[in-house]
Amino acid sequence: MRAGRLAAWVLGIWLVLPLVPVVIWTAARGWRFPDLLPADWSGRAMAQALSPSSGVPQALFTGTALALAVTAIALALGIPAGRALGLARFRGKRAVEVAILAPLIVPPVAYVFGLQALFLRLGLAPSAAGVALAHLVPVLPYVILVMAAVFAGHDTRLEEEARSLGASPAQVFVLVTLPAVGPSAAVAALLAFLVSWGQYLPTLAIGGGRVATPPLALYAYISSGRHDIAAAIAVLSLLPGLAVIWLTRRAFPRALPVPP
C-alpha cells in the first residue's frame, strides 16, 4: 500500500512538474536561458490577459459554454449508446465498436479537414454549432466507452421490477438507472468537458477563427512571442477544468478516486 501511495505521489508530481515553469512565466517580466529564475518580476502579463482588449475573457466564456454544450449533447447520445453496447447483443456490434474508436485511432487531421469540407457544404462552417458538432467526434468515444463498461456490469432486475410496478420508462431511468450509473456518468461528463475544452484543430478548422476559445488565444500569443501572456492564458485555462473536477467530486464523492 505504501509503495502504491509513493508511486501515486511520484506520478502526480511528474505530471504537475511541467506546469511549474508556466506559473513562473505569468509573473516574469523576462526569463532568459540559462537563468534558473527570472531576473525581473511583474504582474502585468496576468493583467493584460484579463483585460477585455486581449480577447481572453471572451475566449474563456466561449470555450466554457461550448464545452458545457458538447458535454450535454455527448451525455444525451452516449448514455443510450453505451447501454446498447454494454447490454445488447446484435449483428455488427464489433464493427460499431471499431467505428466509435476510429476518431481516437486516426490523427485528428484525417477527420478534421474531412469535416471542414462537409460542414462548408452544409453551411455549418464557420459557426459555433459546427464547432460543437466537430468536438463531438473526439468526445463521444470517451463517453460511450465509459458508459458501455458500466452497463456491461449493470443489473437490470431493479428496472424490470420498477416497470412491473407501473413505472414509466422516464421514471425508471430517473429513479433507478441514473442513480446506479450516476458516478460513472459524472466521470464521462468530466472527460467530455476536458476533451472539448482542449480542442484546437477542430475549433480552428470549423470555426474559421471566428469562434475564439482559449487554445486559439494561447497559440496566437505563443506565435507572437508573448510567452508571459501565453502562460497567463494557460493558467486561466486550468480554472474551468478544476471547477468541473471539484463539482464532480462534490456531487459524486465516489466518482473520482481522490480522498476527501
C-alpha atoms as a PDB file:
ATOM      1  CA  MET A   1       0.000   0.000   0.000  1.00  0.00           C
ATOM      2  CA  ARG A   2       2.809   2.418   0.882  1.00  0.00           C
ATOM      3  CA  ALA A   3       4.574   1.629  -2.376  1.00  0.00           C
ATOM      4  CA  GLY A   4       1.375   2.362  -4.266  1.00  0.00           C
ATOM      5  CA  ARG A   5       0.921   5.683  -2.495  1.00  0.00           C
ATOM      6  CA  LEU A   6       4.529   6.619  -3.170  1.00  0.00           C
ATOM      7  CA  ALA A   7       4.115   5.754  -6.836  1.00  0.00           C
ATOM      8  CA  ALA A   8       0.939   7.842  -6.983  1.00  0.00           C
ATOM      9  CA  TRP A   9       2.721  10.841  -5.443  1.00  0.00           C
ATOM     10  CA  VAL A  10       5.703  10.485  -7.791  1.00  0.00           C
ATOM     11  CA  LEU A  11       3.398  10.224 -10.794  1.00  0.00           C
ATOM     12  CA  GLY A  12       1.356  13.217  -9.652  1.00  0.00           C
ATOM     13  CA  ILE A  13       4.471  15.357  -9.156  1.00  0.00           C
ATOM     14  CA  TRP A  14       5.818  14.283 -12.546  1.00  0.00           C
ATOM     15  CA  LEU A  15       2.580  15.285 -14.274  1.00  0.00           C
ATOM     16  CA  VAL A  16       2.349  18.635 -12.491  1.00  0.00           C
ATOM     17  CA  LEU A  17       6.048  19.493 -12.894  1.00  0.00           C
ATOM     18  CA  PRO A  18       5.722  20.910 -16.462  1.00  0.00           C
ATOM     19  CA  LEU A  19       3.207  23.439 -15.139  1.00  0.00           C
ATOM     20  CA  VAL A  20       5.740  24.995 -12.747  1.00  0.00           C
ATOM     21  CA  PRO A  21       7.590  26.999 -15.469  1.00  0.00           C
ATOM     22  CA  VAL A  22       4.219  28.084 -16.857  1.00  0.00           C
ATOM     23  CA  VAL A  23       3.195  29.527 -13.486  1.00  0.00           C
ATOM     24  CA  ILE A  24       6.571  31.260 -13.135  1.00  0.00           C
ATOM     25  CA  TRP A  25       6.215  32.790 -16.596  1.00  0.00           C
ATOM     26  CA  THR A  26       2.972  34.518 -15.559  1.00  0.00           C
ATOM     27  CA  ALA A  27       4.921  36.659 -13.074  1.00  0.00           C
ATOM     28  CA  ALA A  28       8.086  37.100 -15.142  1.00  0.00           C
ATOM     29  CA  ARG A  29       8.958  40.275 -16.997  1.00  0.00           C
ATOM     30  CA  GLY A  30      11.572  38.279 -18.891  1.00  0.00           C
ATOM     31  CA  TRP A  31      13.154  34.862 -18.421  1.00  0.00           C
ATOM     32  CA  ARG A  32      16.272  34.104 -20.377  1.00  0.00           C
ATOM     33  CA  PHE A  33      18.383  30.973 -20.564  1.00  0.00           C
ATOM     34  CA  PRO A  34      20.342  29.863 -18.541  1.00  0.00           C
ATOM     35  CA  ASP A  35      18.798  31.784 -15.597  1.00  0.00           C
ATOM     36  CA  LEU A  36      17.162  29.418 -13.130  1.00  0.00           C
ATOM     37  CA  LEU A  37      14.576  32.054 -12.209  1.00  0.00           C
ATOM     38  CA  PRO A  38      13.519  35.296 -13.894  1.00  0.00           C
ATOM     39  CA  ALA A  39      15.604  38.347 -13.116  1.00  0.00           C
ATOM     40  CA  ASP A  40      12.576  40.671 -13.072  1.00  0.00           C
ATOM     41  CA  TRP A  41       9.079  40.008 -11.790  1.00  0.00           C
ATOM     42  CA  SER A  42       5.841  41.642 -12.801  1.00  0.00           C
ATOM     43  CA  GLY A  43       2.101  41.002 -12.715  1.00  0.00           C
ATOM     44  CA  ARG A  44       1.405  42.763 -15.997  1.00  0.00           C
ATOM     45  CA  ALA A  45       1.008  39.544 -18.001  1.00  0.00           C
ATOM     46  CA  MET A  46      -1.976  38.367 -15.987  1.00  0.00           C
ATOM     47  CA  ALA A  47      -3.478  41.862 -16.003  1.00  0.00           C
ATOM     48  CA  GLN A  48      -3.143  42.074 -19.778  1.00  0.00           C
ATOM     49  CA  ALA A  49      -4.614  38.592 -20.197  1.00  0.00           C
ATOM     50  CA  LEU A  50      -7.646  39.561 -18.095  1.00  0.00           C
ATOM     51  CA  SER A  51      -8.229  42.845 -19.914  1.00  0.00           C
ATOM     52  CA  PRO A  52     -11.190  42.848 -22.347  1.00  0.00           C
ATOM     53  CA  SER A  53      -8.949  44.120 -25.152  1.00  0.00           C
ATOM     54  CA  SER A  54      -6.924  40.891 -25.097  1.00  0.00           C
ATOM     55  CA  GLY A  55      -9.948  38.795 -26.079  1.00  0.00           C
ATOM     56  CA  VAL A  56      -9.067  36.211 -23.446  1.00  0.00           C
ATOM     57  CA  PRO A  57     -12.123  36.716 -21.167  1.00  0.00           C
ATOM     58  CA  GLN A  58     -14.433  36.278 -24.166  1.00  0.00           C
ATOM     59  CA  ALA A  59     -12.465  33.209 -25.244  1.00  0.00           C
ATOM     60  CA  LEU A  60     -12.802  31.718 -21.757  1.00  0.00           C
ATOM     61  CA  PHE A  61     -16.564  32.325 -21.791  1.00  0.00           C
ATOM     62  CA  THR A  62     -16.963  30.887 -25.279  1.00  0.00           C
ATOM     63  CA  GLY A  63     -14.803  27.862 -24.516  1.00  0.00           C
ATOM     64  CA  THR A  64     -16.698  27.120 -21.297  1.00  0.00           C
ATOM     65  CA  ALA A  65     -20.132  27.481 -22.917  1.00  0.00           C
ATOM     66  CA  LEU A  66     -19.040  25.349 -25.854  1.00  0.00           C
ATOM     67  CA  ALA A  67     -17.596  22.600 -23.651  1.00  0.00           C
ATOM     68  CA  LEU A  68     -20.739  22.522 -21.488  1.00  0.00           C
ATOM     69  CA  ALA A  69     -22.974  22.252 -24.555  1.00  0.00           C
ATOM     70  CA  VAL A  70     -20.829  19.490 -26.037  1.00  0.00           C
ATOM     71  CA  THR A  71     -20.872  17.638 -22.716  1.00  0.00           C
ATOM     72  CA  ALA A  72     -24.672  17.773 -22.512  1.00  0.00           C
ATOM     73  CA  ILE A  73     -25.081  16.507 -26.080  1.00  0.00           C
ATOM     74  CA  ALA A  74     -22.448  13.811 -25.582  1.00  0.00           C
ATOM     75  CA  LEU A  75     -24.225  12.507 -22.473  1.00  0.00           C
ATOM     76  CA  ALA A  76     -27.604  12.543 -24.220  1.00  0.00           C
ATOM     77  CA  LEU A  77     -26.166  10.442 -27.045  1.00  0.00           C
ATOM     78  CA  GLY A  78     -23.512   8.486 -25.179  1.00  0.00           C
ATOM     79  CA  ILE A  79     -25.596   7.057 -22.324  1.00  0.00           C
ATOM     80  CA  PRO A  80     -28.103   5.202 -24.544  1.00  0.00           C
ATOM     81  CA  ALA A  81     -25.348   4.184 -26.967  1.00  0.00           C
ATOM     82  CA  GLY A  82     -23.236   2.882 -24.077  1.00  0.00           C
ATOM     83  CA  ARG A  83     -26.222   0.976 -22.735  1.00  0.00           C
ATOM     84  CA  ALA A  84     -26.788  -0.676 -26.101  1.00  0.00           C
ATOM     85  CA  LEU A  85     -23.134  -1.657 -26.427  1.00  0.00           C
ATOM     86  CA  GLY A  86     -22.897  -2.819 -22.831  1.00  0.00           C
ATOM     87  CA  LEU A  87     -26.094  -4.854 -22.589  1.00  0.00           C
ATOM     88  CA  ALA A  88     -27.295  -5.753 -26.070  1.00  0.00           C
ATOM     89  CA  ARG A  89     -26.005  -8.334 -28.489  1.00  0.00           C
ATOM     90  CA  PHE A  90     -26.584  -7.591 -32.138  1.00  0.00           C
ATOM     91  CA  ARG A  91     -25.064  -8.308 -35.511  1.00  0.00           C
ATOM     92  CA  GLY A  92     -22.276  -5.914 -36.412  1.00  0.00           C
ATOM     93  CA  LYS A  93     -21.529  -4.925 -32.820  1.00  0.00           C
ATOM     94  CA  ARG A  94     -17.767  -5.245 -33.317  1.00  0.00           C
ATOM     95  CA  ALA A  95     -17.915  -3.050 -36.390  1.00  0.00           C
ATOM     96  CA  VAL A  96     -19.808  -0.409 -34.414  1.00  0.00           C
ATOM     97  CA  GLU A  97     -17.179  -0.528 -31.660  1.00  0.00           C
ATOM     98  CA  VAL A  98     -14.381  -0.056 -34.207  1.00  0.00           C
ATOM     99  CA  ALA A  99     -16.267   2.863 -35.787  1.00  0.00           C
ATOM    100  CA  ILE A 100     -16.642   4.511 -32.375  1.00  0.00           C
ATOM    101  CA  LEU A 101     -12.914   4.142 -31.715  1.00  0.00           C
ATOM    102  CA  ALA A 102     -11.915   5.420 -35.167  1.00  0.00           C
ATOM    103  CA  PRO A 103     -11.583   9.108 -34.155  1.00  0.00           C
ATOM    104  CA  LEU A 104      -9.162   8.074 -31.398  1.00  0.00           C
ATOM    105  CA  ILE A 105      -7.107   5.884 -33.719  1.00  0.00           C
ATOM    106  CA  VAL A 106      -6.583   8.153 -36.711  1.00  0.00           C
ATOM    107  CA  PRO A 107      -4.739  11.502 -36.489  1.00  0.00           C
ATOM    108  CA  PRO A 108      -7.087  14.454 -35.915  1.00  0.00           C
ATOM    109  CA  VAL A 109      -6.072  15.989 -39.242  1.00  0.00           C
ATOM    110  CA  ALA A 110      -7.546  12.970 -41.014  1.00  0.00           C
ATOM    111  CA  TYR A 111     -11.095  13.710 -39.925  1.00  0.00           C
ATOM    112  CA  VAL A 112     -10.968  17.449 -39.205  1.00  0.00           C
ATOM    113  CA  PHE A 113     -10.439  18.501 -42.799  1.00  0.00           C
ATOM    114  CA  GLY A 114     -12.997  15.959 -43.928  1.00  0.00           C
ATOM    115  CA  LEU A 115     -15.457  17.570 -41.533  1.00  0.00           C
ATOM    116  CA  GLN A 116     -14.462  21.002 -42.783  1.00  0.00           C
ATOM    117  CA  ALA A 117     -15.258  20.082 -46.382  1.00  0.00           C
ATOM    118  CA  LEU A 118     -18.582  18.548 -45.323  1.00  0.00           C
ATOM    119  CA  PHE A 119     -19.608  21.372 -42.991  1.00  0.00           C
ATOM    120  CA  LEU A 120     -18.794  24.048 -45.566  1.00  0.00           C
ATOM    121  CA  ARG A 121     -21.241  22.394 -47.939  1.00  0.00           C
ATOM    122  CA  LEU A 122     -23.863  22.101 -45.205  1.00  0.00           C
ATOM    123  CA  GLY A 123     -23.465  25.706 -44.100  1.00  0.00           C
ATOM    124  CA  LEU A 124     -22.188  24.707 -40.650  1.00  0.00           C
ATOM    125  CA  ALA A 125     -18.780  26.337 -41.041  1.00  0.00           C
ATOM    126  CA  PRO A 126     -17.742  28.745 -39.791  1.00  0.00           C
ATOM    127  CA  SER A 127     -20.157  28.656 -36.851  1.00  0.00           C
ATOM    128  CA  ALA A 128     -20.297  27.750 -33.174  1.00  0.00           C
ATOM    129  CA  ALA A 129     -22.809  24.985 -33.929  1.00  0.00           C
ATOM    130  CA  GLY A 130     -20.384  23.456 -36.410  1.00  0.00           C
ATOM    131  CA  VAL A 131     -17.568  23.625 -33.864  1.00  0.00           C
ATOM    132  CA  ALA A 132     -19.745  21.878 -31.262  1.00  0.00           C
ATOM    133  CA  LEU A 133     -20.579  19.098 -33.732  1.00  0.00           C
ATOM    134  CA  ALA A 134     -16.898  18.780 -34.611  1.00  0.00           C
ATOM    135  CA  HIS A 135     -15.982  18.462 -30.930  1.00  0.00           C
ATOM    136  CA  LEU A 136     -18.434  15.587 -30.575  1.00  0.00           C
ATOM    137  CA  VAL A 137     -16.254  13.461 -32.852  1.00  0.00           C
ATOM    138  CA  PRO A 138     -13.367  13.099 -30.358  1.00  0.00           C
ATOM    139  CA  VAL A 139     -15.621  13.464 -27.288  1.00  0.00           C
ATOM    140  CA  LEU A 140     -18.276  10.815 -27.933  1.00  0.00           C
ATOM    141  CA  PRO A 141     -15.895   7.815 -27.956  1.00  0.00           C
ATOM    142  CA  TYR A 142     -14.834   8.529 -24.366  1.00  0.00           C
ATOM    143  CA  VAL A 143     -18.412   8.897 -23.145  1.00  0.00           C
ATOM    144  CA  ILE A 144     -19.657   5.808 -24.963  1.00  0.00           C
ATOM    145  CA  LEU A 145     -16.754   3.621 -23.844  1.00  0.00           C
ATOM    146  CA  VAL A 146     -17.129   4.655 -20.191  1.00  0.00           C
ATOM    147  CA  MET A 147     -20.868   4.053 -20.216  1.00  0.00           C
ATOM    148  CA  ALA A 148     -20.552   0.767 -22.134  1.00  0.00           C
ATOM    149  CA  ALA A 149     -18.142  -0.539 -19.494  1.00  0.00           C
ATOM    150  CA  VAL A 150     -20.581   0.478 -16.742  1.00  0.00           C
ATOM    151  CA  PHE A 151     -23.658  -1.018 -18.376  1.00  0.00           C
ATOM    152  CA  ALA A 152     -21.776  -4.252 -19.094  1.00  0.00           C
ATOM    153  CA  GLY A 153     -21.968  -4.951 -15.351  1.00  0.00           C
ATOM    154  CA  HIS A 154     -25.314  -3.249 -14.771  1.00  0.00           C
ATOM    155  CA  ASP A 155     -28.084  -5.293 -13.112  1.00  0.00           C
ATOM    156  CA  THR A 156     -31.361  -4.642 -14.946  1.00  0.00           C
ATOM    157  CA  ARG A 157     -33.566  -6.539 -12.491  1.00  0.00           C
ATOM    158  CA  LEU A 158     -34.423  -3.415 -10.499  1.00  0.00           C
ATOM    159  CA  GLU A 159     -35.510  -1.723 -13.704  1.00  0.00           C
ATOM    160  CA  GLU A 160     -37.723  -4.687 -14.569  1.00  0.00           C
ATOM    161  CA  GLU A 161     -39.276  -4.601 -11.110  1.00  0.00           C
ATOM    162  CA  ALA A 162     -39.957  -0.879 -11.419  1.00  0.00           C
ATOM    163  CA  ARG A 163     -41.653  -1.397 -14.777  1.00  0.00           C
ATOM    164  CA  SER A 164     -43.729  -4.238 -13.350  1.00  0.00           C
ATOM    165  CA  LEU A 165     -44.954  -1.832 -10.646  1.00  0.00           C
ATOM    166  CA  GLY A 166     -46.180   0.595 -13.283  1.00  0.00           C
ATOM    167  CA  ALA A 167     -43.250   2.994 -13.615  1.00  0.00           C
ATOM    168  CA  SER A 168     -42.900   4.715 -16.972  1.00  0.00           C
ATOM    169  CA  PRO A 169     -39.629   4.453 -18.960  1.00  0.00           C
ATOM    170  CA  ALA A 170     -38.759   8.014 -17.924  1.00  0.00           C
ATOM    171  CA  GLN A 171     -39.392   7.225 -14.250  1.00  0.00           C
ATOM    172  CA  VAL A 172     -37.308   4.056 -14.473  1.00  0.00           C
ATOM    173  CA  PHE A 173     -34.419   5.993 -15.971  1.00  0.00           C
ATOM    174  CA  VAL A 174     -34.555   8.887 -13.495  1.00  0.00           C
ATOM    175  CA  LEU A 175     -35.304   6.907 -10.316  1.00  0.00           C
ATOM    176  CA  VAL A 176     -33.499   3.608 -10.948  1.00  0.00           C
ATOM    177  CA  THR A 177     -30.974   3.702 -13.790  1.00  0.00           C
ATOM    178  CA  LEU A 178     -29.478   7.155 -13.287  1.00  0.00           C
ATOM    179  CA  PRO A 179     -28.679   6.708  -9.552  1.00  0.00           C
ATOM    180  CA  ALA A 180     -26.964   3.404 -10.381  1.00  0.00           C
ATOM    181  CA  VAL A 181     -24.770   4.785 -13.168  1.00  0.00           C
ATOM    182  CA  GLY A 182     -24.566   8.376 -11.888  1.00  0.00           C
ATOM    183  CA  PRO A 183     -20.926   8.335 -10.682  1.00  0.00           C
ATOM    184  CA  SER A 184     -19.735   6.811 -13.944  1.00  0.00           C
ATOM    185  CA  ALA A 185     -21.827   9.278 -15.932  1.00  0.00           C
ATOM    186  CA  ALA A 186     -20.154  12.070 -13.946  1.00  0.00           C
ATOM    187  CA  VAL A 187     -16.727  10.737 -14.947  1.00  0.00           C
ATOM    188  CA  ALA A 188     -17.879  10.545 -18.575  1.00  0.00           C
ATOM    189  CA  ALA A 189     -19.118  14.144 -18.347  1.00  0.00           C
ATOM    190  CA  LEU A 190     -15.804  15.246 -16.854  1.00  0.00           C
ATOM    191  CA  LEU A 191     -13.875  13.605 -19.692  1.00  0.00           C
ATOM    192  CA  ALA A 192     -16.228  15.119 -22.251  1.00  0.00           C
ATOM    193  CA  PHE A 193     -15.750  18.621 -20.855  1.00  0.00           C
ATOM    194  CA  LEU A 194     -11.956  18.358 -20.670  1.00  0.00           C
ATOM    195  CA  VAL A 195     -11.575  16.862 -24.144  1.00  0.00           C
ATOM    196  CA  SER A 196     -13.813  19.525 -25.681  1.00  0.00           C
ATOM    197  CA  TRP A 197     -12.088  22.280 -23.702  1.00  0.00           C
ATOM    198  CA  GLY A 198      -8.675  21.417 -25.137  1.00  0.00           C
ATOM    199  CA  GLN A 199      -9.637  21.083 -28.802  1.00  0.00           C
ATOM    200  CA  TYR A 200      -7.569  23.323 -31.073  1.00  0.00           C
ATOM    201  CA  LEU A 201      -7.567  21.955 -34.617  1.00  0.00           C
ATOM    202  CA  PRO A 202     -11.337  21.284 -34.934  1.00  0.00           C
ATOM    203  CA  THR A 203     -12.090  24.722 -33.473  1.00  0.00           C
ATOM    204  CA  LEU A 204      -9.730  26.448 -35.893  1.00  0.00           C
ATOM    205  CA  ALA A 205     -10.771  24.490 -38.977  1.00  0.00           C
ATOM    206  CA  ILE A 206     -14.537  24.586 -38.439  1.00  0.00           C
ATOM    207  CA  GLY A 207     -14.751  27.908 -36.621  1.00  0.00           C
ATOM    208  CA  GLY A 208     -12.514  29.646 -39.131  1.00  0.00           C
ATOM    209  CA  GLY A 209     -11.044  31.820 -36.384  1.00  0.00           C
ATOM    210  CA  ARG A 210     -14.452  33.330 -35.593  1.00  0.00           C
ATOM    211  CA  VAL A 211     -15.113  31.016 -32.648  1.00  0.00           C
ATOM    212  CA  ALA A 212     -12.390  32.057 -30.201  1.00  0.00           C
ATOM    213  CA  THR A 213     -11.517  29.615 -27.418  1.00  0.00           C
ATOM    214  CA  PRO A 214      -8.555  29.509 -25.004  1.00  0.00           C
ATOM    215  CA  PRO A 215      -6.459  27.105 -27.151  1.00  0.00           C
ATOM    216  CA  LEU A 216      -6.721  29.514 -30.084  1.00  0.00           C
ATOM    217  CA  ALA A 217      -5.821  32.525 -27.941  1.00  0.00           C
ATOM    218  CA  LEU A 218      -2.956  30.584 -26.385  1.00  0.00           C
ATOM    219  CA  TYR A 219      -1.474  29.634 -29.751  1.00  0.00           C
ATOM    220  CA  ALA A 220      -1.845  33.192 -31.048  1.00  0.00           C
ATOM    221  CA  TYR A 221       0.191  34.658 -28.187  1.00  0.00           C
ATOM    222  CA  ILE A 222       2.796  31.890 -28.386  1.00  0.00           C
ATOM    223  CA  SER A 223       3.208  32.563 -32.111  1.00  0.00           C
ATOM    224  CA  SER A 224       3.718  36.256 -31.397  1.00  0.00           C
ATOM    225  CA  GLY A 225       6.430  35.511 -28.843  1.00  0.00           C
ATOM    226  CA  ARG A 226       4.439  36.744 -25.828  1.00  0.00           C
ATOM    227  CA  HIS A 227       5.251  33.792 -23.605  1.00  0.00           C
ATOM    228  CA  ASP A 228       4.261  35.645 -20.451  1.00  0.00           C
ATOM    229  CA  ILE A 229       0.708  36.314 -21.637  1.00  0.00           C
ATOM    230  CA  ALA A 230       0.506  32.819 -23.111  1.00  0.00           C
ATOM    231  CA  ALA A 231       1.456  31.419 -19.704  1.00  0.00           C
ATOM    232  CA  ALA A 232      -1.225  33.563 -18.063  1.00  0.00           C
ATOM    233  CA  ILE A 233      -3.808  32.198 -20.506  1.00  0.00           C
ATOM    234  CA  ALA A 234      -2.629  28.660 -19.757  1.00  0.00           C
ATOM    235  CA  VAL A 235      -3.091  29.224 -16.021  1.00  0.00           C
ATOM    236  CA  LEU A 236      -6.529  30.756 -16.555  1.00  0.00           C
ATOM    237  CA  SER A 237      -7.424  27.799 -18.761  1.00  0.00           C
ATOM    238  CA  LEU A 238      -6.906  25.495 -15.802  1.00  0.00           C
ATOM    239  CA  LEU A 239      -9.685  27.113 -13.766  1.00  0.00           C
ATOM    240  CA  PRO A 240     -12.809  25.795 -15.569  1.00  0.00           C
ATOM    241  CA  GLY A 241     -11.422  22.259 -15.611  1.00  0.00           C
ATOM    242  CA  LEU A 242     -10.545  22.419 -11.926  1.00  0.00           C
ATOM    243  CA  ALA A 243     -14.004  23.785 -11.167  1.00  0.00           C
ATOM    244  CA  VAL A 244     -15.654  20.913 -13.042  1.00  0.00           C
ATOM    245  CA  ILE A 245     -13.466  18.381 -11.208  1.00  0.00           C
ATOM    246  CA  TRP A 246     -14.383  19.953  -7.861  1.00  0.00           C
ATOM    247  CA  LEU A 247     -18.096  19.973  -8.676  1.00  0.00           C
ATOM    248  CA  THR A 248     -17.922  16.356  -9.833  1.00  0.00           C
ATOM    249  CA  ARG A 249     -16.176  15.380  -6.645  1.00  0.00           C
ATOM    250  CA  ARG A 250     -18.723  17.218  -4.513  1.00  0.00           C
ATOM    251  CA  ALA A 251     -21.754  15.811  -6.323  1.00  0.00           C
ATOM    252  CA  PHE A 252     -20.420  12.258  -6.673  1.00  0.00           C
ATOM    253  CA  PRO A 253     -17.804  11.520  -3.987  1.00  0.00           C
ATOM    254  CA  ARG A 254     -17.272   8.008  -5.358  1.00  0.00           C
ATOM    255  CA  ALA A 255     -16.850   9.143  -8.955  1.00  0.00           C
ATOM    256  CA  LEU A 256     -13.205  10.174  -8.622  1.00  0.00           C
ATOM    257  CA  PRO A 257     -10.549   8.271  -6.679  1.00  0.00           C
ATOM    258  CA  VAL A 258      -9.460  11.345  -4.770  1.00  0.00           C
ATOM    259  CA  PRO A 259      -9.507  11.406  -0.966  1.00  0.00           C
ATOM    260  CA  PRO A 260     -11.989  13.914   0.509  1.00  0.00           C
END
